[in-house]
Amino acid sequence: MAPQLIYLVFLSLFAVLGSSTQNECQVQKCRHHGPAIRFPFWIKDRHQQHCGYPGFELHCTQNHDTVMELPFPVKASIKDSKLPFSVKFYIKDIDYKNQLIEISDTDGCFPGLLPVLNNSKGNGEEFINEVGTIGKIHHVNVVRLVGYCADGFRRALVYEFLSNDSLQKFISSEKGRCLLGWERLHRIAVDIAKGIEYLHQGCEQRILHFDIKPNNVLLDDNFNPKISDFGLAKLCSKEQSIVSMTAARGTIGYIAPEVFSRNFGNVSYKSDVYSFGMLLLEMVGGLKKNDAGGQDKSQVYFPEWIYNKLDQGEEIAIQIEKEGDDKIVRKLMIVGLWCIQWYPVERPSMKVVIQMLESEEIPSMPSNPFTSTNGTNTLATTRGRITRSELEVISESE
């Protein structure tokens, strides 16, 4: 069987960095072009045990491959509990920043990729419950779970491998955007929206992602998008209109205002709608947001810049290659602006978002989301940007 790459994400892998990187804990490699091994990993016979985290011992083979062997059962299928076996991973690369391990030539484990719901606590029951929940998710636009490993704090989920990396890779450069083209970008936007709608309405329990962004949308061989990385997700019943949270979560720039402050409303599935709106504007803007008409970057908030341009009937310098592309671009921008309305009640549901994206007609412009409507000057003074100094941040006790 030909080698196949998969990605592995270990829960709590990098949570403890300690002070064990002393002089005797130098970075080691099994081969010259092999992965650099440092804390929390350690190589047997090359590092002292204190140089790494318990359970993350690696060793070098006679062929100078870097190997990790997990001495605990692996379930190859959520639905099939009759296939436990130990598994050996040949490590190709370790991305310490994003907490990913690239592996190949697995002994019996399906190829895959790993995001998760919340970090597990206690004796692991929460982790298993989340595995069972996400294992039931079956949608063409949500990454598929194919296996998991669990033994105490050593826990991992195995997801399908997607060869074209993330959407961010393509929209962050003019070359990448041209490669996809506006028709395909429009289809990708629609499919992402369908994936989010499925998480909100298509499962037994509603799943709120809380980290929708281009980096968390992966593309397969045919550039079909799949939502990934459920590390910040939260489960709730469909009847539950308000979600309780202990602290703000998400990626700055994509976090809905109400996640920071109750002044804007309650946290709900509409928080994902806001993040999706920012994703749409990112798809359109990409490099443009960095120069926003040549103005001072520190004074320009890109979504507001887009709104003003559209509202005043001015053209936005976006590369158009085919007839009809300008209509697609305008539609993506306007739908994005609908989604990022400051107050959740003013945002459309994902079902309505899909209808707007698939409609032949371009939606009407929403009201200006960057002006205050309740007498406060928070929005005006921040020019659409949320600053912690001016907002009442959600307390841990809520």
Protein backbone atom coordinates (compact mmCIF):
# COMPACT_ATOMS: atom_id res chain seq x y z
CA MET A 1 0.00 0.00 0.00
CA ALA A 2 1.41 3.34 -1.01
CA PRO A 3 2.22 5.76 1.81
CA GLN A 4 -0.52 8.23 2.58
CA LEU A 5 -0.16 11.39 4.57
CA ILE A 6 -2.37 12.13 7.52
CA TYR A 7 -2.32 14.83 10.14
CA LEU A 8 -2.43 14.20 13.86
CA VAL A 9 -3.43 16.72 16.51
CA PHE A 10 -2.79 15.75 20.13
CA LEU A 11 -4.97 17.31 22.80
CA SER A 12 -2.96 19.16 25.44
CA LEU A 13 0.18 18.33 23.51
CA PHE A 14 1.68 21.76 23.87
CA ALA A 15 -0.16 22.86 26.98
CA VAL A 16 2.91 22.42 29.19
CA LEU A 17 6.19 23.80 27.86
CA GLY A 18 8.06 23.74 31.16
CA SER A 19 11.70 24.58 31.57
CA SER A 20 13.13 21.30 30.31
CA THR A 21 14.86 22.75 27.25
CA GLN A 22 18.25 23.01 28.90
CA ASN A 23 21.58 22.62 27.13
CA GLU A 24 21.32 18.82 27.28
CA CYS A 25 17.96 19.01 25.49
CA GLN A 26 19.15 20.23 22.11
CA VAL A 27 17.00 19.82 19.00
CA GLN A 28 17.69 16.43 17.43
CA LYS A 29 16.92 14.81 14.05
CA CYS A 30 16.94 11.18 12.99
CA ARG A 31 18.13 12.25 9.56
CA HIS A 32 19.45 15.49 8.10
CA HIS A 33 16.18 16.44 6.41
CA GLY A 34 13.97 14.83 9.04
CA PRO A 35 11.66 16.62 11.49
CA ALA A 36 13.27 18.64 14.27
CA ILE A 37 12.51 17.00 17.60
CA ARG A 38 12.21 19.16 20.71
CA PHE A 39 10.00 19.51 23.77
CA PRO A 40 7.39 18.15 24.32
CA PHE A 41 8.86 15.27 22.26
CA TRP A 42 12.11 13.47 23.00
CA ILE A 43 14.14 10.83 21.16
CA LYS A 44 15.04 7.69 23.06
CA ASP A 45 18.83 7.18 23.37
CA ARG A 46 19.45 10.79 22.33
CA HIS A 47 17.56 12.86 24.89
CA GLN A 48 17.17 12.56 28.62
CA GLN A 49 13.63 11.71 29.72
CA HIS A 50 13.16 15.14 31.28
CA CYS A 51 13.70 16.69 27.85
CA GLY A 52 10.20 15.68 26.76
CA TYR A 53 6.67 15.19 27.94
CA PRO A 54 5.64 11.77 29.32
CA GLY A 55 4.09 9.66 26.61
CA PHE A 56 5.77 11.43 23.69
CA GLU A 57 8.84 9.31 23.31
CA LEU A 58 10.14 8.88 19.74
CA HIS A 59 12.88 6.69 18.34
CA CYS A 60 14.98 6.51 15.20
CA THR A 61 14.88 3.38 13.03
CA GLN A 62 17.86 1.83 11.27
CA ASN A 63 16.66 3.63 8.14
CA HIS A 64 16.74 6.92 10.09
CA ASP A 65 12.97 7.31 10.09
CA THR A 66 11.37 9.10 13.04
CA VAL A 67 8.79 6.87 14.70
CA MET A 68 6.17 7.29 17.40
CA GLU A 69 4.42 4.19 18.70
CA LEU A 70 1.22 4.66 20.65
CA PRO A 71 0.96 1.76 23.12
CA PHE A 72 -2.81 2.03 23.49
CA PRO A 73 -5.82 0.88 21.47
CA VAL A 74 -6.99 2.81 18.45
CA LYS A 75 -10.58 2.64 17.28
CA ALA A 76 -10.50 2.58 13.49
CA SER A 77 -14.19 3.35 13.30
CA ILE A 78 -16.60 5.04 15.66
CA LYS A 79 -19.25 2.47 14.80
CA ASP A 80 -16.95 -0.55 15.00
CA SER A 81 -15.59 -1.33 18.45
CA LYS A 82 -14.03 -4.67 17.43
CA LEU A 83 -10.86 -3.26 15.89
CA PRO A 84 -8.55 -2.05 18.69
CA PHE A 85 -4.84 -2.24 17.95
CA SER A 86 -1.61 -0.47 18.75
CA VAL A 87 -0.37 1.86 16.07
CA LYS A 88 3.01 3.07 14.88
CA PHE A 89 3.38 6.44 13.18
CA TYR A 90 6.23 7.46 10.90
CA ILE A 91 6.60 11.19 11.48
CA LYS A 92 7.33 13.37 8.45
CA ASP A 93 7.05 16.80 10.02
CA ILE A 94 5.92 18.55 13.21
CA ASP A 95 4.25 21.95 13.09
CA TYR A 96 4.84 23.19 16.64
CA LYS A 97 3.01 26.48 16.04
CA ASN A 98 -0.25 24.92 14.83
CA GLN A 99 0.12 21.75 16.94
CA LEU A 100 0.04 19.36 13.98
CA ILE A 101 2.00 16.20 13.25
CA GLU A 102 2.33 15.07 9.63
CA ILE A 103 2.67 11.30 9.42
CA SER A 104 2.68 8.49 6.85
CA ASP A 105 2.91 4.71 6.58
CA THR A 106 0.62 4.04 9.50
CA ASP A 107 0.21 0.46 10.67
CA GLY A 108 -3.51 0.01 10.37
CA CYS A 109 -4.84 3.52 10.96
CA PHE A 110 -6.91 5.14 8.24
CA PRO A 111 -5.49 8.27 6.64
CA GLY A 112 -6.99 11.37 8.13
CA LEU A 113 -6.87 14.77 9.70
CA LEU A 114 -7.70 15.86 13.23
CA PRO A 115 -9.69 18.76 14.74
CA VAL A 116 -11.75 18.26 17.92
CA LEU A 117 -14.49 19.82 20.00
CA ASN A 118 -13.55 21.03 23.48
CA ASN A 119 -10.45 19.99 25.41
CA SER A 120 -11.26 16.97 27.54
CA LYS A 121 -11.39 17.18 31.27
CA GLY A 122 -11.46 14.77 34.18
CA ASN A 123 -11.41 11.06 33.39
CA GLY A 124 -11.99 11.47 29.66
CA GLU A 125 -15.75 10.91 29.61
CA GLU A 126 -16.25 14.34 28.01
CA PHE A 127 -13.74 13.46 25.29
CA ILE A 128 -15.53 10.19 24.48
CA ASN A 129 -18.91 11.95 24.44
CA GLU A 130 -17.55 14.50 21.97
CA VAL A 131 -16.04 11.75 19.83
CA GLY A 132 -19.43 10.05 19.74
CA THR A 133 -21.15 13.30 18.80
CA ILE A 134 -18.80 14.41 16.05
CA GLY A 135 -18.59 10.83 14.80
CA LYS A 136 -22.26 11.09 13.87
CA ILE A 137 -21.70 14.16 11.70
CA HIS A 138 -22.02 13.26 8.03
CA HIS A 139 -21.99 16.16 5.61
CA VAL A 140 -20.06 16.71 2.43
CA ASN A 141 -18.86 20.09 3.69
CA VAL A 142 -17.74 19.02 7.17
CA VAL A 143 -14.48 17.15 7.61
CA ARG A 144 -15.07 13.44 8.33
CA LEU A 145 -13.89 11.66 11.47
CA VAL A 146 -12.41 8.21 10.74
CA GLY A 147 -10.82 7.22 14.03
CA TYR A 148 -9.52 8.20 17.44
CA CYS A 149 -6.92 7.30 20.03
CA ALA A 150 -7.43 7.70 23.78
CA ASP A 151 -5.40 6.76 26.82
CA GLY A 152 -5.44 9.20 29.72
CA PHE A 153 -4.05 12.54 28.57
CA ARG A 154 -2.84 10.99 25.30
CA ARG A 155 -5.83 11.61 23.08
CA ALA A 156 -6.11 12.19 19.35
CA LEU A 157 -8.77 12.28 16.66
CA VAL A 158 -8.12 11.11 13.10
CA TYR A 159 -9.85 12.92 10.26
CA GLU A 160 -9.79 12.48 6.50
CA PHE A 161 -6.81 13.99 4.70
CA LEU A 162 -7.51 16.93 2.37
CA SER A 163 -4.79 17.55 -0.17
CA ASN A 164 -5.32 21.20 -1.13
CA ASP A 165 -4.69 22.65 2.32
CA SER A 166 -6.81 25.53 3.57
CA LEU A 167 -8.82 28.24 1.84
CA GLN A 168 -6.46 30.78 3.40
CA LYS A 169 -3.65 29.48 1.21
CA PHE A 170 -5.51 30.52 -1.93
CA ILE A 171 -7.19 33.79 -0.96
CA SER A 172 -4.06 35.28 0.61
CA SER A 173 -2.42 35.75 -2.79
CA GLU A 174 -3.60 37.11 -6.13
CA LYS A 175 -2.18 34.02 -7.84
CA GLY A 176 -4.16 31.69 -5.59
CA ARG A 177 -7.38 33.65 -6.08
CA CYS A 178 -6.92 33.59 -9.87
CA LEU A 179 -6.32 29.84 -9.74
CA LEU A 180 -9.70 29.32 -8.10
CA GLY A 181 -11.63 31.95 -10.06
CA TRP A 182 -14.73 33.80 -8.86
CA GLU A 183 -17.24 31.14 -9.91
CA ARG A 184 -15.44 28.53 -7.87
CA LEU A 185 -15.00 30.94 -4.95
CA HIS A 186 -18.76 31.56 -5.05
CA ARG A 187 -19.43 27.82 -4.98
CA ILE A 188 -17.00 27.42 -2.09
CA ALA A 189 -18.83 30.17 -0.18
CA VAL A 190 -22.20 28.46 -0.75
CA ASP A 191 -20.85 25.08 0.34
CA ILE A 192 -19.28 26.51 3.51
CA ALA A 193 -22.63 28.11 4.33
CA LYS A 194 -24.35 24.74 3.83
CA GLY A 195 -21.86 23.10 6.14
CA ILE A 196 -22.51 25.68 8.87
CA GLU A 197 -26.28 25.37 8.37
CA TYR A 198 -25.92 21.61 8.83
CA LEU A 199 -24.04 22.10 12.10
CA HIS A 200 -26.75 24.49 13.30
CA GLN A 201 -29.84 22.57 12.15
CA GLY A 202 -28.94 19.18 10.69
CA CYS A 203 -27.60 17.40 13.78
CA GLU A 204 -29.44 16.04 16.79
CA GLN A 205 -27.79 18.78 18.84
CA ARG A 206 -26.85 22.18 17.47
CA ILE A 207 -23.09 22.60 17.07
CA LEU A 208 -21.72 26.13 17.29
CA HIS A 209 -18.25 26.25 15.78
CA PHE A 210 -17.01 29.59 17.16
CA ASP A 211 -13.91 29.63 14.93
CA ILE A 212 -15.09 29.93 11.33
CA LYS A 213 -12.23 31.41 9.31
CA PRO A 214 -10.32 30.64 6.08
CA ASN A 215 -7.64 28.65 7.91
CA ASN A 216 -10.32 26.28 9.21
CA VAL A 217 -11.83 25.58 5.79
CA LEU A 218 -9.95 22.77 4.06
CA LEU A 219 -10.16 21.91 0.36
CA ASP A 220 -10.16 18.44 -1.18
CA ASP A 221 -8.80 17.37 -4.58
CA ASN A 222 -11.74 19.05 -6.34
CA PHE A 223 -11.61 22.18 -4.14
CA ASN A 224 -14.73 21.16 -2.27
CA PRO A 225 -14.59 22.94 1.11
CA LYS A 226 -14.87 21.15 4.44
CA ILE A 227 -15.19 22.86 7.81
CA SER A 228 -12.55 21.68 10.26
CA ASP A 229 -11.02 22.37 13.69
CA PHE A 230 -13.78 22.03 16.27
CA GLY A 231 -11.48 22.85 19.16
CA LEU A 232 -13.63 25.80 20.31
CA ALA A 233 -17.03 24.36 19.39
CA LYS A 234 -19.96 24.14 21.77
CA LEU A 235 -22.98 21.85 21.79
CA CYS A 236 -26.49 22.97 22.67
CA SER A 237 -30.07 21.91 22.02
CA LYS A 238 -31.90 23.36 19.03
CA GLU A 239 -34.48 24.82 21.39
CA GLN A 240 -31.78 26.74 23.23
CA SER A 241 -31.69 30.25 21.75
CA ILE A 242 -29.05 31.58 24.15
CA VAL A 243 -25.70 29.90 24.85
CA SER A 244 -23.91 30.33 28.16
CA MET A 245 -20.16 30.90 27.95
CA THR A 246 -17.45 31.26 30.57
CA ALA A 247 -15.12 33.35 28.41
CA ALA A 248 -14.75 34.80 24.92
CA ARG A 249 -13.54 32.30 22.33
CA GLY A 250 -12.50 32.48 18.70
CA THR A 251 -9.96 34.26 16.51
CA ILE A 252 -9.61 38.03 16.70
CA GLY A 253 -11.11 39.56 13.58
CA TYR A 254 -13.76 36.85 13.27
CA ILE A 255 -15.29 36.98 16.76
CA ALA A 256 -18.83 38.33 16.97
CA PRO A 257 -19.27 41.40 19.22
CA GLU A 258 -21.64 39.62 21.62
CA VAL A 259 -18.99 37.01 22.35
CA PHE A 260 -16.95 39.85 23.88
CA SER A 261 -19.76 41.79 25.47
CA ARG A 262 -23.42 41.21 26.34
CA ASN A 263 -24.02 44.87 25.41
CA PHE A 264 -24.51 43.63 21.84
CA GLY A 265 -26.87 40.76 22.66
CA ASN A 266 -26.71 37.12 23.65
CA VAL A 267 -24.36 34.51 22.24
CA SER A 268 -26.12 32.14 19.85
CA TYR A 269 -25.75 30.47 16.45
CA LYS A 270 -25.75 34.01 15.04
CA SER A 271 -22.16 34.29 16.31
CA ASP A 272 -21.11 31.81 13.61
CA VAL A 273 -23.03 33.89 11.07
CA TYR A 274 -20.86 36.89 11.96
CA SER A 275 -17.66 34.85 11.52
CA PHE A 276 -18.89 33.60 8.15
CA GLY A 277 -19.54 37.18 7.06
CA MET A 278 -15.97 38.11 7.89
CA LEU A 279 -14.82 35.05 5.95
CA LEU A 280 -16.77 36.24 2.88
CA LEU A 281 -15.19 39.68 3.06
CA GLU A 282 -11.79 38.04 3.45
CA MET A 283 -12.46 35.97 0.32
CA VAL A 284 -13.19 39.15 -1.62
CA GLY A 285 -10.57 41.38 0.00
CA GLY A 286 -7.56 39.19 0.62
CA LEU A 287 -4.66 41.44 -0.25
CA LYS A 288 -6.95 44.45 -0.71
CA LYS A 289 -7.54 44.81 3.00
CA ASN A 290 -3.88 45.63 3.42
CA ASP A 291 -4.01 48.78 1.36
CA ALA A 292 -7.72 49.74 1.45
CA GLY A 293 -7.51 52.48 -1.11
CA GLY A 294 -4.00 53.47 -0.09
CA GLN A 295 -5.11 54.90 3.23
CA ASP A 296 -3.30 54.58 6.54
CA LYS A 297 -3.80 50.95 7.60
CA SER A 298 -4.08 51.89 11.25
CA GLN A 299 -7.07 54.10 10.45
CA VAL A 300 -8.93 51.81 8.04
CA TYR A 301 -11.30 49.02 9.03
CA PHE A 302 -11.66 46.92 5.91
CA PRO A 303 -15.37 45.92 6.17
CA GLU A 304 -16.30 49.55 6.81
CA TRP A 305 -14.19 50.59 3.82
CA ILE A 306 -16.11 48.09 1.65
CA TYR A 307 -19.47 49.33 2.95
CA ASN A 308 -18.62 52.96 2.21
CA LYS A 309 -17.43 52.11 -1.29
CA LEU A 310 -20.63 50.19 -2.09
CA ASP A 311 -22.89 52.74 -0.42
CA GLN A 312 -21.34 55.59 -2.41
CA GLY A 313 -21.46 53.65 -5.68
CA GLU A 314 -17.68 53.65 -6.05
CA GLU A 315 -15.78 50.85 -7.74
CA ILE A 316 -13.58 48.49 -5.76
CA ALA A 317 -10.45 47.48 -7.67
CA ILE A 318 -10.90 43.70 -7.75
CA GLN A 319 -9.43 41.64 -10.57
CA ILE A 320 -12.26 40.45 -12.83
CA GLU A 321 -11.58 37.87 -15.54
CA LYS A 322 -15.01 36.75 -16.80
CA GLU A 323 -18.30 38.42 -17.55
CA GLY A 324 -20.48 38.07 -14.50
CA ASP A 325 -17.59 37.99 -12.04
CA ASP A 326 -18.39 41.52 -10.90
CA LYS A 327 -21.89 40.35 -9.92
CA ILE A 328 -20.41 37.50 -7.87
CA VAL A 329 -17.98 39.81 -6.10
CA ARG A 330 -20.71 42.32 -5.27
CA LYS A 331 -22.99 39.57 -3.98
CA LEU A 332 -20.27 38.13 -1.71
CA MET A 333 -19.55 41.58 -0.28
CA ILE A 334 -23.18 42.47 0.40
CA VAL A 335 -24.01 39.09 1.96
CA GLY A 336 -20.89 39.45 4.08
CA LEU A 337 -22.07 42.86 5.29
CA TRP A 338 -25.49 41.42 6.18
CA CYS A 339 -23.77 38.75 8.26
CA ILE A 340 -21.61 41.16 10.26
CA GLN A 341 -24.40 43.35 11.58
CA TRP A 342 -23.38 44.26 15.13
CA TYR A 343 -26.55 43.02 16.80
CA PRO A 344 -27.31 39.28 16.38
CA VAL A 345 -31.02 39.88 15.83
CA GLU A 346 -30.20 41.88 12.69
CA ARG A 347 -28.16 39.07 11.10
CA PRO A 348 -29.79 36.50 8.81
CA SER A 349 -29.79 32.80 9.64
CA MET A 350 -27.51 30.56 7.60
CA LYS A 351 -30.58 29.29 5.72
CA VAL A 352 -31.32 32.83 4.55
CA VAL A 353 -27.62 33.39 3.80
CA ILE A 354 -27.66 30.36 1.48
CA GLN A 355 -30.76 31.70 -0.26
CA MET A 356 -29.08 35.07 -0.82
CA LEU A 357 -25.92 33.47 -2.18
CA GLU A 358 -27.80 31.14 -4.54
CA SER A 359 -30.26 33.77 -5.76
CA GLU A 360 -29.82 35.21 -9.23
CA GLU A 361 -30.49 38.64 -7.80
CA ILE A 362 -27.99 40.69 -5.82
CA PRO A 363 -29.31 41.37 -2.30
CA SER A 364 -30.11 44.91 -1.24
CA MET A 365 -27.62 46.74 0.92
CA PRO A 366 -28.03 46.24 4.68
CA SER A 367 -28.12 49.12 7.12
CA ASN A 368 -24.73 50.54 8.04
CA PRO A 369 -23.33 48.15 10.69
CA PHE A 370 -20.64 50.64 11.73
CA THR A 371 -22.84 53.33 13.27
CA SER A 372 -24.42 53.18 16.69
CA THR A 373 -28.20 52.88 16.90
CA ASN A 374 -28.63 52.79 20.66
CA GLY A 375 -27.23 56.14 21.70
CA THR A 376 -23.82 54.85 22.67
CA ASN A 377 -20.69 55.87 20.83
CA THR A 378 -18.79 52.60 21.23
CA LEU A 379 -19.12 51.61 17.58
CA ALA A 380 -18.30 55.03 16.21
CA THR A 381 -15.25 55.52 18.36
CA THR A 382 -13.83 52.13 17.45
CA ARG A 383 -14.70 52.45 13.73
CA GLY A 384 -16.07 48.93 13.77
CA ARG A 385 -13.25 47.44 15.79
CA ILE A 386 -13.75 45.85 19.17
CA THR A 387 -11.33 46.90 21.87
CA ARG A 388 -11.35 45.26 25.26
CA SER A 389 -10.81 48.57 27.01
CA GLU A 390 -14.18 49.86 25.79
CA LEU A 391 -16.24 46.70 26.22
CA GLU A 392 -17.49 44.79 29.20
CA VAL A 393 -15.77 41.46 28.73
CA ILE A 394 -17.70 38.32 29.69
CA SER A 395 -16.64 37.17 33.15
CA GLU A 396 -15.64 33.63 33.99
CA SER A 397 -18.58 33.32 36.37
CA GLU A 398 -21.23 33.76 33.70
